[in-house]
Structures are given as structure tokens and as C-alpha cells.
Amino acid sequence: MDLHRRIALVLRKEPGLVRDFAERLRSKLAVARSAAVVRDNEWEWYIILTLWSPEQVIRLLEDSSEQAVRLRQNSPFVSLLPAPLAYRLIE
């Protein structure tokens, strides 16, 4: 099972983590010295994590559409996961 499907399973059990991820990404974006430093995909993920429901985010992580695949290729989740959870999911 790939990493994003594993993350989706965790989010099904703890949907509030979507808001935690949004907050961590917001903090990362705020630290950036300028908008030029932030990649477009980071802004796109921030919008998704902020405006979409947890169920929509989960579906995106599991979806096989071209857009979903493109988004997952530049996913910020690994950098946003708390270390213990990241180690557990990557194993």
C-alpha cells in the first residue's frame, strides 16, 4: 500500500488531522521569506487542506484521476507528519 493510502486510513480514524496539517503548512508558508520561495503546489495543497472537508481530502489521497496523481507527486504530507507517525507510515 502506498504512503498516501496509508495517510488516508489514518485520516479516516482521525479526520481532525487534516486541520493540523493545514496549520503546519500555514506555518511553513509564513516562515518563507517571500511568495517566490513557496512552490505553487504548496499553495495548492494549503487551499485544499484549508477549504476541503476531511472526507474530500481522503478521497483525493485515494483517487486515481490525473489531477489526484499530479497533486500526490508534490504532496507535503511527509514533511507535515509528526515524526512518530511518519516513521510508522513509511515502514
N, C-alpha and C. Protein backbone atom coordinates (compact mmCIF):
# COMPACT_ATOMS: atom_id res chain seq x y z
N MET A 1 0.86 -1.19 0.00
CA MET A 1 0.00 0.00 0.00
C MET A 1 0.90 1.24 0.00
N ASP A 2 0.55 2.21 -0.84
CA ASP A 2 1.41 3.40 -0.92
C ASP A 2 1.16 4.34 0.26
N LEU A 3 2.08 5.27 0.42
CA LEU A 3 2.07 6.18 1.55
C LEU A 3 0.77 6.98 1.65
N HIS A 4 0.27 7.47 0.54
CA HIS A 4 -0.92 8.32 0.59
C HIS A 4 -2.17 7.54 0.97
N ARG A 5 -2.24 6.30 0.59
CA ARG A 5 -3.36 5.46 1.03
C ARG A 5 -3.26 5.18 2.54
N ARG A 6 -2.04 5.02 3.02
CA ARG A 6 -1.84 4.85 4.46
C ARG A 6 -2.26 6.11 5.22
N ILE A 7 -1.90 7.26 4.67
CA ILE A 7 -2.30 8.53 5.30
C ILE A 7 -3.82 8.65 5.29
N ALA A 8 -4.45 8.25 4.19
CA ALA A 8 -5.91 8.30 4.11
C ALA A 8 -6.55 7.43 5.19
N LEU A 9 -5.97 6.27 5.45
CA LEU A 9 -6.50 5.40 6.51
C LEU A 9 -6.40 6.08 7.88
N VAL A 10 -5.27 6.74 8.13
CA VAL A 10 -5.10 7.46 9.39
C VAL A 10 -6.12 8.58 9.50
N LEU A 11 -6.33 9.31 8.39
CA LEU A 11 -7.28 10.42 8.40
C LEU A 11 -8.72 9.94 8.60
N ARG A 12 -9.04 8.76 8.14
CA ARG A 12 -10.38 8.21 8.38
C ARG A 12 -10.61 8.01 9.88
N LYS A 13 -9.55 7.62 10.59
CA LYS A 13 -9.66 7.41 12.03
C LYS A 13 -9.57 8.72 12.80
N GLU A 14 -8.79 9.68 12.26
CA GLU A 14 -8.57 10.96 12.93
C GLU A 14 -8.71 12.11 11.92
N PRO A 15 -9.94 12.42 11.51
CA PRO A 15 -10.14 13.46 10.48
C PRO A 15 -9.65 14.84 10.92
N GLY A 16 -9.55 15.08 12.21
CA GLY A 16 -9.05 16.36 12.68
C GLY A 16 -7.61 16.63 12.31
N LEU A 17 -6.89 15.59 11.92
CA LEU A 17 -5.50 15.77 11.48
C LEU A 17 -5.41 16.63 10.22
N VAL A 18 -6.46 16.65 9.42
CA VAL A 18 -6.45 17.48 8.21
C VAL A 18 -6.22 18.94 8.60
N ARG A 19 -6.91 19.39 9.64
CA ARG A 19 -6.73 20.78 10.10
C ARG A 19 -5.34 20.98 10.70
N ASP A 20 -4.82 19.96 11.37
CA ASP A 20 -3.45 20.03 11.89
C ASP A 20 -2.45 20.18 10.75
N PHE A 21 -2.65 19.40 9.68
CA PHE A 21 -1.77 19.51 8.51
C PHE A 21 -1.86 20.91 7.89
N ALA A 22 -3.08 21.44 7.80
CA ALA A 22 -3.28 22.79 7.24
C ALA A 22 -2.53 23.82 8.08
N GLU A 23 -2.60 23.69 9.39
CA GLU A 23 -1.92 24.63 10.28
C GLU A 23 -0.40 24.51 10.15
N ARG A 24 0.11 23.29 10.07
CA ARG A 24 1.56 23.11 9.91
C ARG A 24 2.03 23.70 8.58
N LEU A 25 1.25 23.49 7.53
CA LEU A 25 1.62 24.04 6.22
C LEU A 25 1.53 25.56 6.24
N ARG A 26 0.52 26.10 6.92
CA ARG A 26 0.41 27.55 7.04
C ARG A 26 1.64 28.12 7.74
N SER A 27 2.08 27.47 8.77
CA SER A 27 3.28 27.91 9.50
C SER A 27 4.51 27.87 8.59
N LYS A 28 4.62 26.81 7.82
CA LYS A 28 5.74 26.68 6.88
C LYS A 28 5.71 27.81 5.85
N LEU A 29 4.52 28.11 5.33
CA LEU A 29 4.39 29.18 4.34
C LEU A 29 4.69 30.55 4.96
N ALA A 30 4.29 30.74 6.21
CA ALA A 30 4.51 32.01 6.89
C ALA A 30 5.99 32.27 7.12
N VAL A 31 6.76 31.22 7.31
CA VAL A 31 8.19 31.36 7.56
C VAL A 31 8.94 31.72 6.28
N ALA A 32 8.38 31.35 5.14
CA ALA A 32 9.03 31.66 3.86
C ALA A 32 9.23 33.16 3.74
N ARG A 33 10.37 33.55 3.30
CA ARG A 33 10.71 34.98 3.23
C ARG A 33 9.93 35.74 2.16
N SER A 34 9.51 35.04 1.13
CA SER A 34 8.71 35.69 0.09
C SER A 34 7.85 34.64 -0.60
N ALA A 35 6.84 35.11 -1.30
CA ALA A 35 5.95 34.20 -2.02
C ALA A 35 6.72 33.44 -3.10
N ALA A 36 7.81 34.02 -3.58
CA ALA A 36 8.60 33.37 -4.63
C ALA A 36 9.28 32.10 -4.11
N VAL A 37 9.50 32.01 -2.82
CA VAL A 37 10.15 30.85 -2.22
C VAL A 37 9.18 29.68 -2.13
N VAL A 38 7.90 29.98 -2.05
CA VAL A 38 6.88 28.95 -1.89
C VAL A 38 6.46 28.42 -3.26
N ARG A 39 6.49 27.10 -3.38
CA ARG A 39 6.12 26.49 -4.66
C ARG A 39 4.60 26.53 -4.84
N ASP A 40 4.18 26.56 -6.09
CA ASP A 40 2.75 26.60 -6.41
C ASP A 40 2.00 25.43 -5.79
N ASN A 41 2.62 24.25 -5.81
CA ASN A 41 1.92 23.08 -5.27
C ASN A 41 1.71 23.21 -3.76
N GLU A 42 2.59 23.92 -3.05
CA GLU A 42 2.38 24.14 -1.62
C GLU A 42 1.16 25.03 -1.38
N TRP A 43 1.00 26.05 -2.21
CA TRP A 43 -0.19 26.90 -2.09
C TRP A 43 -1.44 26.09 -2.42
N GLU A 44 -1.35 25.27 -3.46
CA GLU A 44 -2.50 24.46 -3.86
C GLU A 44 -2.90 23.50 -2.73
N TRP A 45 -1.92 22.85 -2.12
CA TRP A 45 -2.22 21.95 -1.01
C TRP A 45 -2.77 22.72 0.18
N TYR A 46 -2.26 23.92 0.43
CA TYR A 46 -2.77 24.72 1.54
C TYR A 46 -4.26 25.02 1.32
N ILE A 47 -4.63 25.40 0.12
CA ILE A 47 -6.03 25.68 -0.21
C ILE A 47 -6.88 24.42 0.00
N ILE A 48 -6.37 23.30 -0.48
CA ILE A 48 -7.11 22.03 -0.34
C ILE A 48 -7.31 21.71 1.14
N LEU A 49 -6.24 21.76 1.91
CA LEU A 49 -6.32 21.38 3.33
C LEU A 49 -7.17 22.36 4.14
N THR A 50 -7.23 23.59 3.68
CA THR A 50 -7.99 24.62 4.40
C THR A 50 -9.48 24.61 4.04
N LEU A 51 -9.78 24.43 2.75
CA LEU A 51 -11.15 24.60 2.29
C LEU A 51 -11.93 23.29 2.09
N TRP A 52 -11.23 22.21 1.88
CA TRP A 52 -11.92 20.95 1.64
C TRP A 52 -12.23 20.26 2.95
N SER A 53 -13.26 19.46 2.94
CA SER A 53 -13.60 18.66 4.12
C SER A 53 -12.59 17.52 4.25
N PRO A 54 -12.45 16.96 5.45
CA PRO A 54 -11.55 15.81 5.59
C PRO A 54 -11.91 14.68 4.63
N GLU A 55 -13.19 14.44 4.42
CA GLU A 55 -13.60 13.36 3.50
C GLU A 55 -13.13 13.64 2.07
N GLN A 56 -13.19 14.89 1.63
CA GLN A 56 -12.72 15.24 0.29
C GLN A 56 -11.21 15.03 0.17
N VAL A 57 -10.48 15.39 1.21
CA VAL A 57 -9.02 15.21 1.21
C VAL A 57 -8.70 13.71 1.15
N ILE A 58 -9.41 12.92 1.92
CA ILE A 58 -9.21 11.47 1.92
C ILE A 58 -9.46 10.90 0.53
N ARG A 59 -10.55 11.32 -0.09
CA ARG A 59 -10.86 10.83 -1.45
C ARG A 59 -9.75 11.21 -2.43
N LEU A 60 -9.21 12.41 -2.28
CA LEU A 60 -8.12 12.85 -3.15
C LEU A 60 -6.90 11.95 -2.97
N LEU A 61 -6.60 11.59 -1.74
CA LEU A 61 -5.44 10.74 -1.47
C LEU A 61 -5.62 9.33 -2.03
N GLU A 62 -6.85 8.91 -2.22
CA GLU A 62 -7.13 7.56 -2.73
C GLU A 62 -7.47 7.54 -4.22
N ASP A 63 -7.74 8.68 -4.80
CA ASP A 63 -8.23 8.79 -6.17
C ASP A 63 -7.13 8.45 -7.18
N SER A 64 -7.54 7.90 -8.32
CA SER A 64 -6.59 7.57 -9.38
C SER A 64 -6.66 8.54 -10.56
N SER A 65 -7.41 9.64 -10.40
CA SER A 65 -7.52 10.59 -11.50
C SER A 65 -6.17 11.27 -11.76
N GLU A 66 -6.06 11.84 -12.94
CA GLU A 66 -4.81 12.52 -13.34
C GLU A 66 -4.48 13.66 -12.37
N GLN A 67 -5.48 14.44 -11.99
CA GLN A 67 -5.26 15.55 -11.07
C GLN A 67 -4.78 15.05 -9.70
N ALA A 68 -5.41 14.01 -9.20
CA ALA A 68 -5.03 13.46 -7.89
C ALA A 68 -3.59 12.92 -7.92
N VAL A 69 -3.25 12.23 -8.98
CA VAL A 69 -1.89 11.70 -9.12
C VAL A 69 -0.89 12.85 -9.15
N ARG A 70 -1.20 13.90 -9.92
CA ARG A 70 -0.31 15.07 -10.01
C ARG A 70 -0.13 15.70 -8.64
N LEU A 71 -1.20 15.89 -7.92
CA LEU A 71 -1.11 16.51 -6.59
C LEU A 71 -0.30 15.65 -5.62
N ARG A 72 -0.51 14.36 -5.65
CA ARG A 72 0.23 13.48 -4.74
C ARG A 72 1.72 13.45 -5.06
N GLN A 73 2.09 13.68 -6.31
CA GLN A 73 3.51 13.70 -6.66
C GLN A 73 4.24 14.83 -5.95
N ASN A 74 3.52 15.86 -5.55
CA ASN A 74 4.12 17.01 -4.86
C ASN A 74 3.47 17.22 -3.50
N SER A 75 3.11 16.13 -2.88
CA SER A 75 2.41 16.19 -1.60
C SER A 75 3.33 16.66 -0.47
N PRO A 76 2.80 17.52 0.40
CA PRO A 76 3.60 17.98 1.54
C PRO A 76 3.47 17.08 2.77
N PHE A 77 2.72 15.99 2.67
CA PHE A 77 2.37 15.22 3.86
C PHE A 77 3.56 14.68 4.63
N VAL A 78 4.57 14.18 3.95
CA VAL A 78 5.71 13.62 4.67
C VAL A 78 6.35 14.68 5.55
N SER A 79 6.48 15.89 5.05
CA SER A 79 7.09 16.96 5.86
C SER A 79 6.15 17.48 6.94
N LEU A 80 4.86 17.20 6.83
CA LEU A 80 3.88 17.70 7.80
C LEU A 80 3.54 16.68 8.88
N LEU A 81 3.88 15.43 8.64
CA LEU A 81 3.55 14.38 9.61
C LEU A 81 4.41 14.52 10.87
N PRO A 82 3.81 14.31 12.04
CA PRO A 82 4.64 14.22 13.24
C PRO A 82 5.61 13.05 13.07
N ALA A 83 6.82 13.19 13.53
CA ALA A 83 7.88 12.19 13.31
C ALA A 83 7.45 10.76 13.64
N PRO A 84 6.86 10.49 14.81
CA PRO A 84 6.50 9.10 15.10
C PRO A 84 5.52 8.51 14.08
N LEU A 85 4.56 9.30 13.66
CA LEU A 85 3.58 8.84 12.68
C LEU A 85 4.25 8.64 11.32
N ALA A 86 5.13 9.54 10.94
CA ALA A 86 5.85 9.41 9.66
C ALA A 86 6.65 8.12 9.63
N TYR A 87 7.37 7.83 10.70
CA TYR A 87 8.16 6.59 10.74
C TYR A 87 7.27 5.37 10.62
N ARG A 88 6.13 5.41 11.30
CA ARG A 88 5.21 4.27 11.26
C ARG A 88 4.63 4.06 9.86
N LEU A 89 4.32 5.14 9.17
CA LEU A 89 3.70 5.03 7.84
C LEU A 89 4.70 4.68 6.75
N ILE A 90 5.93 5.10 6.92
CA ILE A 90 6.95 4.88 5.89
C ILE A 90 7.48 3.45 5.94
N GLU A 91 7.45 2.84 7.10
CA GLU A 91 7.98 1.47 7.23
C GLU A 91 7.25 0.50 6.34
